[in-house]
């Protein structure tokens, strides 16, 4: 399993075995370029910088909505340990993994959507994550979804 805090940028691939309901961190996962990728970031204890730990993920699901695999990353110590930093790091992590191939990326973060659809804005000197966005090679398609919904609310949308 991935480590919690480190100075290293080390995304970890994983696959999910639906039959046995197990995660395999030793397996390489190859994203299906024809399917959407869902990205997210989060932070534990973000109000206490001394112990805050943030992480990012990029996952794909099958046609039944079941997890099949993806990437995870514990944010390295040189990045802010915030949910916002993790949301943007998820895009950089994913873009690196697919060598800039075009993907349909779905996120609940308005700042990620704005950045992904307006690289001039995202890479401006005053933008907090401009350095990450300058390294994104792919011209991805971005779609915004509402966060924190029940399954019933999501299916009704």
C-alpha atoms as a PDB file:
ATOM      1  CA  UNK A   1       0.000   0.000   0.000  1.00  0.00           C
ATOM      2  CA  UNK A   2       1.101   3.602  -0.478  1.00  0.00           C
ATOM      3  CA  UNK A   3       3.003   5.501   2.182  1.00  0.00           C
ATOM      4  CA  UNK A   4       1.404   8.399   4.010  1.00  0.00           C
ATOM      5  CA  UNK A   5       3.915  11.293   3.922  1.00  0.00           C
ATOM      6  CA  UNK A   6       6.990  11.530   1.782  1.00  0.00           C
ATOM      7  CA  UNK A   7       8.879  14.014  -0.367  1.00  0.00           C
ATOM      8  CA  UNK A   8       8.424  11.676  -3.337  1.00  0.00           C
ATOM      9  CA  UNK A   9       5.947  11.982  -6.201  1.00  0.00           C
ATOM     10  CA  UNK A  10       5.035   8.300  -6.429  1.00  0.00           C
ATOM     11  CA  UNK A  11       1.593   7.545  -7.837  1.00  0.00           C
ATOM     12  CA  UNK A  12       0.470   3.980  -7.250  1.00  0.00           C
ATOM     13  CA  UNK A  13      -1.667   2.030  -9.721  1.00  0.00           C
ATOM     14  CA  UNK A  14      -4.173  -0.524  -8.523  1.00  0.00           C
ATOM     15  CA  UNK A  15      -6.740  -2.921  -9.890  1.00  0.00           C
ATOM     16  CA  UNK A  16      -9.936  -3.998  -8.205  1.00  0.00           C
ATOM     17  CA  UNK A  17     -11.029  -7.627  -8.370  1.00  0.00           C
ATOM     18  CA  UNK A  18     -14.825  -7.491  -8.487  1.00  0.00           C
ATOM     19  CA  UNK A  19     -15.264 -11.209  -7.829  1.00  0.00           C
ATOM     20  CA  UNK A  20     -13.173 -11.268  -4.653  1.00  0.00           C
ATOM     21  CA  UNK A  21     -13.653  -7.596  -3.721  1.00  0.00           C
ATOM     22  CA  UNK A  22      -9.933  -7.064  -3.247  1.00  0.00           C
ATOM     23  CA  UNK A  23      -7.520  -4.329  -4.306  1.00  0.00           C
ATOM     24  CA  UNK A  24      -4.201  -5.319  -5.873  1.00  0.00           C
ATOM     25  CA  UNK A  25      -1.542  -2.616  -5.466  1.00  0.00           C
ATOM     26  CA  UNK A  26       1.036  -4.721  -7.319  1.00  0.00           C
ATOM     27  CA  UNK A  27      -0.915  -4.799 -10.571  1.00  0.00           C
ATOM     28  CA  UNK A  28      -0.389  -2.210 -13.284  1.00  0.00           C
ATOM     29  CA  UNK A  29      -3.614  -0.507 -14.373  1.00  0.00           C
ATOM     30  CA  UNK A  30      -4.004   0.756 -17.929  1.00  0.00           C
ATOM     31  CA  UNK A  31      -6.748   3.321 -18.396  1.00  0.00           C
ATOM     32  CA  UNK A  32      -9.334   2.672 -21.098  1.00  0.00           C
ATOM     33  CA  UNK A  33      -9.074   5.813 -23.242  1.00  0.00           C
ATOM     34  CA  UNK A  34     -12.698   5.372 -24.322  1.00  0.00           C
ATOM     35  CA  UNK A  35     -14.091   5.610 -20.796  1.00  0.00           C
ATOM     36  CA  UNK A  36     -14.352   8.533 -18.405  1.00  0.00           C
ATOM     37  CA  UNK A  37     -11.908   8.946 -15.544  1.00  0.00           C
ATOM     38  CA  UNK A  38     -13.180  10.249 -12.217  1.00  0.00           C
ATOM     39  CA  UNK A  39     -10.699  12.349 -10.210  1.00  0.00           C
ATOM     40  CA  UNK A  40     -10.842  13.581  -6.640  1.00  0.00           C
ATOM     41  CA  UNK A  41      -8.675  14.945  -3.880  1.00  0.00           C
ATOM     42  CA  UNK A  42      -9.061  15.039  -0.146  1.00  0.00           C
ATOM     43  CA  UNK A  43      -7.216  16.036   3.007  1.00  0.00           C
ATOM     44  CA  UNK A  44      -7.149  14.643   6.508  1.00  0.00           C
ATOM     45  CA  UNK A  45      -6.813  17.175   9.326  1.00  0.00           C
ATOM     46  CA  UNK A  46      -6.362  20.111   6.963  1.00  0.00           C
ATOM     47  CA  UNK A  47      -6.756  22.610   9.787  1.00  0.00           C
ATOM     48  CA  UNK A  48      -3.547  21.352  11.417  1.00  0.00           C
ATOM     49  CA  UNK A  49      -0.695  21.841   8.907  1.00  0.00           C
ATOM     50  CA  UNK A  50       1.727  19.881  11.092  1.00  0.00           C
ATOM     51  CA  UNK A  51      -0.218  16.663  10.620  1.00  0.00           C
ATOM     52  CA  UNK A  52      -2.349  17.318   7.531  1.00  0.00           C
ATOM     53  CA  UNK A  53      -2.110  14.628   4.851  1.00  0.00           C
ATOM     54  CA  UNK A  54      -3.661  14.991   1.410  1.00  0.00           C
ATOM     55  CA  UNK A  55      -4.263  12.443  -1.325  1.00  0.00           C
ATOM     56  CA  UNK A  56      -5.432  12.287  -4.924  1.00  0.00           C
ATOM     57  CA  UNK A  57      -7.130   9.613  -6.972  1.00  0.00           C
ATOM     58  CA  UNK A  58      -8.109   8.899 -10.555  1.00  0.00           C
ATOM     59  CA  UNK A  59     -10.372   5.897 -11.128  1.00  0.00           C
ATOM     60  CA  UNK A  60     -12.425   4.188 -13.788  1.00  0.00           C
ATOM     61  CA  UNK A  61     -15.587   2.170 -13.397  1.00  0.00           C
ATOM     62  CA  UNK A  62     -17.150  -0.495 -15.610  1.00  0.00           C
ATOM     63  CA  UNK A  63     -20.499  -0.179 -17.376  1.00  0.00           C
ATOM     64  CA  UNK A  64     -22.248  -1.264 -14.154  1.00  0.00           C
ATOM     65  CA  UNK A  65     -20.584   1.547 -12.198  1.00  0.00           C
ATOM     66  CA  UNK A  66     -18.230  -0.799 -10.333  1.00  0.00           C
ATOM     67  CA  UNK A  67     -14.635   0.210  -9.636  1.00  0.00           C
ATOM     68  CA  UNK A  68     -12.082  -1.520 -11.882  1.00  0.00           C
ATOM     69  CA  UNK A  69      -8.838   0.336 -11.204  1.00  0.00           C
ATOM     70  CA  UNK A  70      -6.917   3.558 -11.158  1.00  0.00           C
ATOM     71  CA  UNK A  71      -4.204   5.629  -9.561  1.00  0.00           C
ATOM     72  CA  UNK A  72      -3.717   7.036  -6.085  1.00  0.00           C
ATOM     73  CA  UNK A  73      -1.152   9.457  -4.704  1.00  0.00           C
ATOM     74  CA  UNK A  74      -0.265  10.690  -1.249  1.00  0.00           C
ATOM     75  CA  UNK A  75       0.763  14.275  -1.921  1.00  0.00           C
ATOM     76  CA  UNK A  76       4.490  14.797  -1.433  1.00  0.00           C
ATOM     77  CA  UNK A  77       5.559  17.081   1.385  1.00  0.00           C
ATOM     78  CA  UNK A  78       6.623  19.854  -1.029  1.00  0.00           C
ATOM     79  CA  UNK A  79       2.989  20.387  -2.082  1.00  0.00           C
ATOM     80  CA  UNK A  80       0.420  22.030   0.187  1.00  0.00           C
ATOM     81  CA  UNK A  81      -1.411  19.373   2.173  1.00  0.00           C
ATOM     82  CA  UNK A  82      -4.869  20.615   1.170  1.00  0.00           C
ATOM     83  CA  UNK A  83      -7.865  19.182  -0.644  1.00  0.00           C
ATOM     84  CA  UNK A  84      -7.457  21.849  -3.339  1.00  0.00           C
ATOM     85  CA  UNK A  85      -3.850  20.860  -4.017  1.00  0.00           C
ATOM     86  CA  UNK A  86      -4.899  17.205  -4.164  1.00  0.00           C
ATOM     87  CA  UNK A  87      -7.665  17.944  -6.682  1.00  0.00           C
ATOM     88  CA  UNK A  88      -5.170  19.585  -9.058  1.00  0.00           C
ATOM     89  CA  UNK A  89      -2.445  17.006  -8.407  1.00  0.00           C
ATOM     90  CA  UNK A  90      -4.880  14.305  -9.539  1.00  0.00           C
ATOM     91  CA  UNK A  91      -4.871  15.815 -13.044  1.00  0.00           C
ATOM     92  CA  UNK A  92      -1.062  16.000 -13.230  1.00  0.00           C
ATOM     93  CA  UNK A  93      -0.749  12.443 -11.918  1.00  0.00           C
ATOM     94  CA  UNK A  94      -3.256  11.120 -14.454  1.00  0.00           C
ATOM     95  CA  UNK A  95      -1.771  13.061 -17.360  1.00  0.00           C
ATOM     96  CA  UNK A  96       1.703  11.693 -16.574  1.00  0.00           C
ATOM     97  CA  UNK A  97       0.376   8.141 -16.449  1.00  0.00           C
ATOM     98  CA  UNK A  98      -1.317   8.274 -19.863  1.00  0.00           C
ATOM     99  CA  UNK A  99       1.527  10.190 -21.562  1.00  0.00           C
ATOM    100  CA  UNK A 100      -0.713  13.116 -22.424  1.00  0.00           C
ATOM    101  CA  UNK A 101      -3.326  11.071 -24.290  1.00  0.00           C
ATOM    102  CA  UNK A 102      -6.714  12.808 -24.397  1.00  0.00           C
ATOM    103  CA  UNK A 103      -9.142  11.687 -21.714  1.00  0.00           C
ATOM    104  CA  UNK A 104     -12.621  12.601 -20.549  1.00  0.00           C
ATOM    105  CA  UNK A 105     -12.066  13.678 -16.942  1.00  0.00           C
ATOM    106  CA  UNK A 106     -14.912  14.094 -14.476  1.00  0.00           C
ATOM    107  CA  UNK A 107     -14.391  16.182 -11.346  1.00  0.00           C
ATOM    108  CA  UNK A 108     -16.467  17.840  -8.637  1.00  0.00           C
ATOM    109  CA  UNK A 109     -13.920  20.662  -8.241  1.00  0.00           C
ATOM    110  CA  UNK A 110     -14.861  23.906  -9.998  1.00  0.00           C
ATOM    111  CA  UNK A 111     -11.241  25.103  -9.919  1.00  0.00           C
ATOM    112  CA  UNK A 112     -10.059  21.950 -11.731  1.00  0.00           C
ATOM    113  CA  UNK A 113     -12.792  22.350 -14.350  1.00  0.00           C
ATOM    114  CA  UNK A 114     -11.905  26.010 -14.884  1.00  0.00           C
ATOM    115  CA  UNK A 115      -8.197  25.187 -15.103  1.00  0.00           C
ATOM    116  CA  UNK A 116      -8.748  22.289 -17.485  1.00  0.00           C
ATOM    117  CA  UNK A 117     -10.911  24.316 -19.835  1.00  0.00           C
ATOM    118  CA  UNK A 118      -8.785  27.478 -19.735  1.00  0.00           C
ATOM    119  CA  UNK A 119      -5.064  26.682 -19.625  1.00  0.00           C
ATOM    120  CA  UNK A 120      -4.149  30.344 -20.070  1.00  0.00           C
ATOM    121  CA  UNK A 121      -5.962  31.107 -16.821  1.00  0.00           C
ATOM    122  CA  UNK A 122      -4.618  27.963 -15.093  1.00  0.00           C
ATOM    123  CA  UNK A 123      -0.984  28.708 -15.947  1.00  0.00           C
ATOM    124  CA  UNK A 124      -1.033  32.424 -15.114  1.00  0.00           C
ATOM    125  CA  UNK A 125       1.615  33.414 -12.574  1.00  0.00           C
ATOM    126  CA  UNK A 126      -0.950  34.312  -9.913  1.00  0.00           C
ATOM    127  CA  UNK A 127      -2.681  30.889 -10.036  1.00  0.00           C
ATOM    128  CA  UNK A 128      -1.670  28.712  -7.057  1.00  0.00           C
ATOM    129  CA  UNK A 129      -1.302  25.510  -9.110  1.00  0.00           C
ATOM    130  CA  UNK A 130       0.113  27.052 -12.298  1.00  0.00           C
ATOM    131  CA  UNK A 131       3.267  24.959 -11.966  1.00  0.00           C
ATOM    132  CA  UNK A 132       1.274  21.711 -12.064  1.00  0.00           C
ATOM    133  CA  UNK A 133      -0.865  22.844 -14.993  1.00  0.00           C
ATOM    134  CA  UNK A 134       2.182  23.931 -17.032  1.00  0.00           C
ATOM    135  CA  UNK A 135       3.249  20.285 -16.956  1.00  0.00           C
ATOM    136  CA  UNK A 136      -0.072  18.857 -18.176  1.00  0.00           C
ATOM    137  CA  UNK A 137       0.555  17.633 -21.721  1.00  0.00           C
ATOM    138  CA  UNK A 138      -2.900  16.408 -22.741  1.00  0.00           C
ATOM    139  CA  UNK A 139      -5.757  18.466 -24.066  1.00  0.00           C
ATOM    140  CA  UNK A 140      -8.344  16.674 -21.991  1.00  0.00           C
ATOM    141  CA  UNK A 141     -12.106  17.065 -21.947  1.00  0.00           C
ATOM    142  CA  UNK A 142     -13.438  18.126 -18.540  1.00  0.00           C
ATOM    143  CA  UNK A 143     -16.884  17.625 -17.069  1.00  0.00           C
ATOM    144  CA  UNK A 144     -18.206  18.974 -13.763  1.00  0.00           C
ATOM    145  CA  UNK A 145     -20.349  16.868 -11.452  1.00  0.00           C
ATOM    146  CA  UNK A 146     -22.010  17.842  -8.220  1.00  0.00           C
ATOM    147  CA  UNK A 147     -20.269  16.538  -5.115  1.00  0.00           C
ATOM    148  CA  UNK A 148     -21.601  14.744  -2.041  1.00  0.00           C
ATOM    149  CA  UNK A 149     -24.740  13.215  -3.475  1.00  0.00           C
ATOM    150  CA  UNK A 150     -26.444   9.984  -2.649  1.00  0.00           C
ATOM    151  CA  UNK A 151     -26.601   7.305  -5.332  1.00  0.00           C
ATOM    152  CA  UNK A 152     -30.297   8.072  -5.809  1.00  0.00           C
ATOM    153  CA  UNK A 153     -29.556  11.790  -6.315  1.00  0.00           C
ATOM    154  CA  UNK A 154     -26.797  11.031  -8.832  1.00  0.00           C
ATOM    155  CA  UNK A 155     -28.994   8.609 -10.802  1.00  0.00           C
ATOM    156  CA  UNK A 156     -31.825  11.151 -10.895  1.00  0.00           C
ATOM    157  CA  UNK A 157     -29.563  13.895 -12.296  1.00  0.00           C
END
